[in-house]
């Protein structure tokens, strides 16, 4: 059995949608894509870089799969 590590961006009011870019996920008329960018700093960038530099399998939910690939794979 593998260890499951969840790496997520979540705002204090519970928003998980479109942290990366303005056009990442506009479903439900979400207009605030890229909301994490202004909060990034050297510490958070180093943590993300460390987490993403390790080998990993990526488990995507249905919506994320559709956003990233254009269709669910």
PDB file of N, CA and C in Angstrom:
ATOM      1  N   UNK A   1       0.847  -1.166   0.000  1.00  0.00           N
ATOM      2  CA  UNK A   1       0.000   0.000   0.000  1.00  0.00           C
ATOM      3  C   UNK A   1       0.897   1.234   0.000  1.00  0.00           C
ATOM      4  N   UNK A   2       0.527   2.229  -0.764  1.00  0.00           N
ATOM      5  CA  UNK A   2       1.293   3.470  -0.848  1.00  0.00           C
ATOM      6  C   UNK A   2       0.759   4.519   0.117  1.00  0.00           C
ATOM      7  N   UNK A   3       1.633   5.429   0.445  1.00  0.00           N
ATOM      8  CA  UNK A   3       1.232   6.577   1.245  1.00  0.00           C
ATOM      9  C   UNK A   3       0.579   7.587   0.310  1.00  0.00           C
ATOM     10  N   UNK A   4      -0.532   8.140   0.718  1.00  0.00           N
ATOM     11  CA  UNK A   4      -1.237   9.147  -0.062  1.00  0.00           C
ATOM     12  C   UNK A   4      -0.900  10.520   0.509  1.00  0.00           C
ATOM     13  N   UNK A   5      -0.335  11.381  -0.320  1.00  0.00           N
ATOM     14  CA  UNK A   5       0.002  12.742   0.082  1.00  0.00           C
ATOM     15  C   UNK A   5      -0.889  13.683  -0.706  1.00  0.00           C
ATOM     16  N   UNK A   6      -1.587  14.546  -0.007  1.00  0.00           N
ATOM     17  CA  UNK A   6      -2.473  15.513  -0.651  1.00  0.00           C
ATOM     18  C   UNK A   6      -1.784  16.864  -0.646  1.00  0.00           C
ATOM     19  N   UNK A   7      -1.614  17.412  -1.818  1.00  0.00           N
ATOM     20  CA  UNK A   7      -1.018  18.730  -1.981  1.00  0.00           C
ATOM     21  C   UNK A   7      -2.097  19.617  -2.569  1.00  0.00           C
ATOM     22  N   UNK A   8      -2.596  20.538  -1.774  1.00  0.00           N
ATOM     23  CA  UNK A   8      -3.751  21.313  -2.203  1.00  0.00           C
ATOM     24  C   UNK A   8      -3.607  22.775  -1.836  1.00  0.00           C
ATOM     25  N   UNK A   9      -4.182  23.617  -2.658  1.00  0.00           N
ATOM     26  CA  UNK A   9      -4.284  25.042  -2.364  1.00  0.00           C
ATOM     27  C   UNK A   9      -5.719  25.297  -1.939  1.00  0.00           C
ATOM     28  N   UNK A  10      -5.898  25.849  -0.767  1.00  0.00           N
ATOM     29  CA  UNK A  10      -7.252  26.139  -0.288  1.00  0.00           C
ATOM     30  C   UNK A  10      -7.257  27.492   0.410  1.00  0.00           C
ATOM     31  N   UNK A  11      -8.240  28.311   0.079  1.00  0.00           N
ATOM     32  CA  UNK A  11      -8.354  29.616   0.727  1.00  0.00           C
ATOM     33  C   UNK A  11      -9.031  29.452   2.086  1.00  0.00           C
ATOM     34  N   UNK A  12      -8.965  30.481   2.903  1.00  0.00           N
ATOM     35  CA  UNK A  12      -9.587  30.428   4.229  1.00  0.00           C
ATOM     36  C   UNK A  12     -11.096  30.237   4.157  1.00  0.00           C
ATOM     37  N   UNK A  13     -11.708  30.648   3.038  1.00  0.00           N
ATOM     38  CA  UNK A  13     -13.150  30.450   2.904  1.00  0.00           C
ATOM     39  C   UNK A  13     -13.481  29.174   2.117  1.00  0.00           C
ATOM     40  N   UNK A  14     -12.491  28.293   1.940  1.00  0.00           N
ATOM     41  CA  UNK A  14     -12.747  26.966   1.380  1.00  0.00           C
ATOM     42  C   UNK A  14     -12.664  26.840  -0.128  1.00  0.00           C
ATOM     43  N   UNK A  15     -12.130  27.822  -0.815  1.00  0.00           N
ATOM     44  CA  UNK A  15     -12.028  27.754  -2.274  1.00  0.00           C
ATOM     45  C   UNK A  15     -10.846  26.879  -2.673  1.00  0.00           C
ATOM     46  N   UNK A  16     -11.110  25.884  -3.492  1.00  0.00           N
ATOM     47  CA  UNK A  16     -10.079  25.000  -4.025  1.00  0.00           C
ATOM     48  C   UNK A  16      -9.916  25.187  -5.527  1.00  0.00           C
ATOM     49  N   UNK A  17     -10.697  26.033  -6.115  1.00  0.00           N
ATOM     50  CA  UNK A  17     -10.811  26.144  -7.568  1.00  0.00           C
ATOM     51  C   UNK A  17      -9.763  27.066  -8.170  1.00  0.00           C
ATOM     52  N   UNK A  18      -9.140  26.639  -9.257  1.00  0.00           N
ATOM     53  CA  UNK A  18      -8.296  27.429 -10.145  1.00  0.00           C
ATOM     54  C   UNK A  18      -7.218  28.248  -9.448  1.00  0.00           C
ATOM     55  N   UNK A  19      -6.325  27.609  -8.693  1.00  0.00           N
ATOM     56  CA  UNK A  19      -5.287  28.400  -8.046  1.00  0.00           C
ATOM     57  C   UNK A  19      -4.199  28.876  -8.995  1.00  0.00           C
ATOM     58  N   UNK A  20      -4.027  28.202 -10.139  1.00  0.00           N
ATOM     59  CA  UNK A  20      -2.867  28.446 -10.974  1.00  0.00           C
ATOM     60  C   UNK A  20      -2.951  29.576 -11.977  1.00  0.00           C
ATOM     61  N   UNK A  21      -4.083  29.770 -12.611  1.00  0.00           N
ATOM     62  CA  UNK A  21      -4.155  30.771 -13.664  1.00  0.00           C
ATOM     63  C   UNK A  21      -5.564  31.243 -13.899  1.00  0.00           C
ATOM     64  N   UNK A  22      -5.733  32.415 -14.502  1.00  0.00           N
ATOM     65  CA  UNK A  22      -7.053  33.008 -14.675  1.00  0.00           C
ATOM     66  C   UNK A  22      -8.006  32.188 -15.535  1.00  0.00           C
ATOM     67  N   UNK A  23      -7.488  31.398 -16.454  1.00  0.00           N
ATOM     68  CA  UNK A  23      -8.341  30.601 -17.337  1.00  0.00           C
ATOM     69  C   UNK A  23      -8.319  29.116 -16.992  1.00  0.00           C
ATOM     70  N   UNK A  24      -7.765  28.767 -15.834  1.00  0.00           N
ATOM     71  CA  UNK A  24      -7.603  27.362 -15.470  1.00  0.00           C
ATOM     72  C   UNK A  24      -8.935  26.637 -15.324  1.00  0.00           C
ATOM     73  N   UNK A  25      -9.879  27.235 -14.634  1.00  0.00           N
ATOM     74  CA  UNK A  25     -11.189  26.592 -14.434  1.00  0.00           C
ATOM     75  C   UNK A  25     -12.212  27.691 -14.202  1.00  0.00           C
ATOM     76  N   UNK A  26     -12.977  27.978 -15.217  1.00  0.00           N
ATOM     77  CA  UNK A  26     -13.981  29.047 -15.113  1.00  0.00           C
ATOM     78  C   UNK A  26     -15.386  28.487 -14.912  1.00  0.00           C
ATOM     79  N   UNK A  27     -15.481  27.194 -14.585  1.00  0.00           N
ATOM     80  CA  UNK A  27     -16.803  26.603 -14.399  1.00  0.00           C
ATOM     81  C   UNK A  27     -17.556  27.297 -13.269  1.00  0.00           C
ATOM     82  N   UNK A  28     -18.854  27.379 -13.417  1.00  0.00           N
ATOM     83  CA  UNK A  28     -19.694  28.061 -12.429  1.00  0.00           C
ATOM     84  C   UNK A  28     -19.446  29.556 -12.402  1.00  0.00           C
ATOM     85  N   UNK A  29     -18.962  30.109 -13.530  1.00  0.00           N
ATOM     86  CA  UNK A  29     -18.644  31.538 -13.652  1.00  0.00           C
ATOM     87  C   UNK A  29     -17.591  32.004 -12.654  1.00  0.00           C
ATOM     88  N   UNK A  30     -16.656  31.102 -12.280  1.00  0.00           N
ATOM     89  CA  UNK A  30     -15.580  31.469 -11.356  1.00  0.00           C
ATOM     90  C   UNK A  30     -14.643  32.441 -12.044  1.00  0.00           C
ATOM     91  N   UNK A  31     -14.465  33.625 -11.473  1.00  0.00           N
ATOM     92  CA  UNK A  31     -13.716  34.716 -12.106  1.00  0.00           C
ATOM     93  C   UNK A  31     -12.379  34.995 -11.437  1.00  0.00           C
ATOM     94  N   UNK A  32     -11.979  34.176 -10.470  1.00  0.00           N
ATOM     95  CA  UNK A  32     -10.810  34.523  -9.667  1.00  0.00           C
ATOM     96  C   UNK A  32      -9.659  33.537  -9.838  1.00  0.00           C
ATOM     97  N   UNK A  33      -9.562  32.935 -11.010  1.00  0.00           N
ATOM     98  CA  UNK A  33      -8.473  32.011 -11.271  1.00  0.00           C
ATOM     99  C   UNK A  33      -7.124  32.678 -11.063  1.00  0.00           C
ATOM    100  N   UNK A  34      -6.178  31.902 -10.567  1.00  0.00           N
ATOM    101  CA  UNK A  34      -4.855  32.438 -10.280  1.00  0.00           C
ATOM    102  C   UNK A  34      -4.773  33.125  -8.926  1.00  0.00           C
ATOM    103  N   UNK A  35      -5.760  32.866  -8.084  1.00  0.00           N
ATOM    104  CA  UNK A  35      -5.849  33.575  -6.802  1.00  0.00           C
ATOM    105  C   UNK A  35      -4.671  33.309  -5.881  1.00  0.00           C
ATOM    106  N   UNK A  36      -3.905  32.235  -6.066  1.00  0.00           N
ATOM    107  CA  UNK A  36      -2.776  31.951  -5.172  1.00  0.00           C
ATOM    108  C   UNK A  36      -1.522  32.744  -5.523  1.00  0.00           C
ATOM    109  N   UNK A  37      -1.430  33.227  -6.741  1.00  0.00           N
ATOM    110  CA  UNK A  37      -0.199  33.855  -7.226  1.00  0.00           C
ATOM    111  C   UNK A  37       0.259  35.006  -6.334  1.00  0.00           C
ATOM    112  N   UNK A  38      -0.627  35.860  -5.940  1.00  0.00           N
ATOM    113  CA  UNK A  38      -0.220  37.021  -5.140  1.00  0.00           C
ATOM    114  C   UNK A  38       0.198  36.654  -3.713  1.00  0.00           C
ATOM    115  N   UNK A  39      -0.081  35.415  -3.296  1.00  0.00           N
ATOM    116  CA  UNK A  39       0.289  34.975  -1.948  1.00  0.00           C
ATOM    117  C   UNK A  39       1.572  34.150  -1.929  1.00  0.00           C
ATOM    118  N   UNK A  40       2.104  33.831  -3.080  1.00  0.00           N
ATOM    119  CA  UNK A  40       3.322  33.016  -3.146  1.00  0.00           C
ATOM    120  C   UNK A  40       4.526  33.824  -2.680  1.00  0.00           C
ATOM    121  N   UNK A  41       5.435  33.140  -2.004  1.00  0.00           N
ATOM    122  CA  UNK A  41       6.683  33.763  -1.593  1.00  0.00           C
ATOM    123  C   UNK A  41       7.790  32.721  -1.699  1.00  0.00           C
ATOM    124  N   UNK A  42       8.987  33.080  -1.308  1.00  0.00           N
ATOM    125  CA  UNK A  42      10.125  32.175  -1.433  1.00  0.00           C
ATOM    126  C   UNK A  42       9.911  30.882  -0.648  1.00  0.00           C
ATOM    127  N   UNK A  43       9.354  30.983   0.540  1.00  0.00           N
ATOM    128  CA  UNK A  43       9.121  29.805   1.377  1.00  0.00           C
ATOM    129  C   UNK A  43       8.120  28.862   0.706  1.00  0.00           C
ATOM    130  N   UNK A  44       6.973  29.396   0.280  1.00  0.00           N
ATOM    131  CA  UNK A  44       5.965  28.530  -0.351  1.00  0.00           C
ATOM    132  C   UNK A  44       6.479  27.953  -1.671  1.00  0.00           C
ATOM    133  N   UNK A  45       7.237  28.736  -2.424  1.00  0.00           N
ATOM    134  CA  UNK A  45       7.808  28.230  -3.674  1.00  0.00           C
ATOM    135  C   UNK A  45       8.802  27.098  -3.415  1.00  0.00           C
ATOM    136  N   UNK A  46       9.599  27.225  -2.354  1.00  0.00           N
ATOM    137  CA  UNK A  46      10.554  26.165  -2.014  1.00  0.00           C
ATOM    138  C   UNK A  46       9.835  24.894  -1.588  1.00  0.00           C
ATOM    139  N   UNK A  47       8.775  25.035  -0.807  1.00  0.00           N
ATOM    140  CA  UNK A  47       8.002  23.873  -0.368  1.00  0.00           C
ATOM    141  C   UNK A  47       7.377  23.175  -1.568  1.00  0.00           C
ATOM    142  N   UNK A  48       6.757  23.942  -2.458  1.00  0.00           N
ATOM    143  CA  UNK A  48       6.148  23.344  -3.651  1.00  0.00           C
ATOM    144  C   UNK A  48       7.203  22.673  -4.530  1.00  0.00           C
ATOM    145  N   UNK A  49       8.335  23.329  -4.699  1.00  0.00           N
ATOM    146  CA  UNK A  49       9.409  22.758  -5.504  1.00  0.00           C
ATOM    147  C   UNK A  49       9.902  21.447  -4.930  1.00  0.00           C
ATOM    148  N   UNK A  50      10.034  21.393  -3.604  1.00  0.00           N
ATOM    149  CA  UNK A  50      10.464  20.166  -2.936  1.00  0.00           C
ATOM    150  C   UNK A  50       9.439  19.051  -3.126  1.00  0.00           C
ATOM    151  N   UNK A  51       8.166  19.373  -2.935  1.00  0.00           N
ATOM    152  CA  UNK A  51       7.113  18.365  -3.089  1.00  0.00           C
ATOM    153  C   UNK A  51       7.016  17.855  -4.518  1.00  0.00           C
ATOM    154  N   UNK A  52       7.123  18.740  -5.470  1.00  0.00           N
ATOM    155  CA  UNK A  52       6.932  18.359  -6.871  1.00  0.00           C
ATOM    156  C   UNK A  52       8.190  17.745  -7.495  1.00  0.00           C
ATOM    157  N   UNK A  53       9.344  17.825  -6.822  1.00  0.00           N
ATOM    158  CA  UNK A  53      10.571  17.272  -7.387  1.00  0.00           C
ATOM    159  C   UNK A  53      10.711  15.776  -7.114  1.00  0.00           C
ATOM    160  N   UNK A  54       9.911  15.245  -6.192  1.00  0.00           N
ATOM    161  CA  UNK A  54       9.963  13.817  -5.892  1.00  0.00           C
ATOM    162  C   UNK A  54       9.137  13.043  -6.918  1.00  0.00           C
ATOM    163  N   UNK A  55       9.559  11.814  -7.224  1.00  0.00           N
ATOM    164  CA  UNK A  55       8.734  10.988  -8.126  1.00  0.00           C
ATOM    165  C   UNK A  55       7.346  10.777  -7.508  1.00  0.00           C
ATOM    166  N   UNK A  56       6.319  10.835  -8.346  1.00  0.00           N
ATOM    167  CA  UNK A  56       4.966  10.657  -7.821  1.00  0.00           C
ATOM    168  C   UNK A  56       4.031  10.178  -8.916  1.00  0.00           C
ATOM    169  N   UNK A  57       2.960   9.547  -8.492  1.00  0.00           N
ATOM    170  CA  UNK A  57       1.837   9.246  -9.366  1.00  0.00           C
ATOM    171  C   UNK A  57       0.807  10.326  -9.106  1.00  0.00           C
ATOM    172  N   UNK A  58       0.112  10.732 -10.126  1.00  0.00           N
ATOM    173  CA  UNK A  58      -0.841  11.821 -10.000  1.00  0.00           C
ATOM    174  C   UNK A  58      -2.257  11.280 -10.078  1.00  0.00           C
ATOM    175  N   UNK A  59      -3.012  11.536  -9.051  1.00  0.00           N
ATOM    176  CA  UNK A  59      -4.414  11.129  -9.010  1.00  0.00           C
ATOM    177  C   UNK A  59      -5.260  12.385  -9.183  1.00  0.00           C
ATOM    178  N   UNK A  60      -6.001  12.441 -10.281  1.00  0.00           N
ATOM    179  CA  UNK A  60      -6.828  13.603 -10.575  1.00  0.00           C
ATOM    180  C   UNK A  60      -8.297  13.239 -10.420  1.00  0.00           C
ATOM    181  N   UNK A  61      -9.060  14.180  -9.913  1.00  0.00           N
ATOM    182  CA  UNK A  61     -10.505  14.021  -9.908  1.00  0.00           C
ATOM    183  C   UNK A  61     -11.059  14.265 -11.295  1.00  0.00           C
ATOM    184  N   UNK A  62     -12.324  13.986 -11.490  1.00  0.00           N
ATOM    185  CA  UNK A  62     -12.944  14.129 -12.812  1.00  0.00           C
ATOM    186  C   UNK A  62     -12.813  15.548 -13.351  1.00  0.00           C
ATOM    187  N   UNK A  63     -13.144  16.543 -12.559  1.00  0.00           N
ATOM    188  CA  UNK A  63     -13.104  17.932 -13.046  1.00  0.00           C
ATOM    189  C   UNK A  63     -11.680  18.368 -13.371  1.00  0.00           C
ATOM    190  N   UNK A  64     -10.727  18.050 -12.519  1.00  0.00           N
ATOM    191  CA  UNK A  64      -9.351  18.418 -12.784  1.00  0.00           C
ATOM    192  C   UNK A  64      -8.836  17.722 -14.033  1.00  0.00           C
ATOM    193  N   UNK A  65      -9.186  16.456 -14.198  1.00  0.00           N
ATOM    194  CA  UNK A  65      -8.796  15.745 -15.414  1.00  0.00           C
ATOM    195  C   UNK A  65      -9.342  16.394 -16.665  1.00  0.00           C
ATOM    196  N   UNK A  66     -10.587  16.838 -16.604  1.00  0.00           N
ATOM    197  CA  UNK A  66     -11.197  17.505 -17.759  1.00  0.00           C
ATOM    198  C   UNK A  66     -10.519  18.844 -18.038  1.00  0.00           C
ATOM    199  N   UNK A  67     -10.229  19.601 -17.012  1.00  0.00           N
ATOM    200  CA  UNK A  67      -9.585  20.913 -17.176  1.00  0.00           C
ATOM    201  C   UNK A  67      -8.197  20.751 -17.758  1.00  0.00           C
ATOM    202  N   UNK A  68      -7.434  19.805 -17.248  1.00  0.00           N
ATOM    203  CA  UNK A  68      -6.040  19.643 -17.668  1.00  0.00           C
ATOM    204  C   UNK A  68      -5.897  19.004 -19.031  1.00  0.00           C
ATOM    205  N   UNK A  69      -6.808  18.135 -19.422  1.00  0.00           N
ATOM    206  CA  UNK A  69      -6.645  17.394 -20.669  1.00  0.00           C
ATOM    207  C   UNK A  69      -7.653  17.747 -21.749  1.00  0.00           C
ATOM    208  N   UNK A  70      -8.703  18.442 -21.386  1.00  0.00           N
ATOM    209  CA  UNK A  70      -9.752  18.749 -22.352  1.00  0.00           C
ATOM    210  C   UNK A  70     -10.808  17.645 -22.403  1.00  0.00           C
ATOM    211  N   UNK A  71     -10.472  16.478 -21.906  1.00  0.00           N
ATOM    212  CA  UNK A  71     -11.413  15.379 -21.785  1.00  0.00           C
ATOM    213  C   UNK A  71     -10.887  14.463 -20.698  1.00  0.00           C
ATOM    214  N   UNK A  72     -11.755  13.664 -20.152  1.00  0.00           N
ATOM    215  CA  UNK A  72     -11.312  12.760 -19.095  1.00  0.00           C
ATOM    216  C   UNK A  72     -10.604  11.569 -19.708  1.00  0.00           C
ATOM    217  N   UNK A  73      -9.438  11.283 -19.214  1.00  0.00           N
ATOM    218  CA  UNK A  73      -8.622  10.169 -19.740  1.00  0.00           C
ATOM    219  C   UNK A  73      -8.760   8.996 -18.813  1.00  0.00           C
TER     220      UNK A  73
END
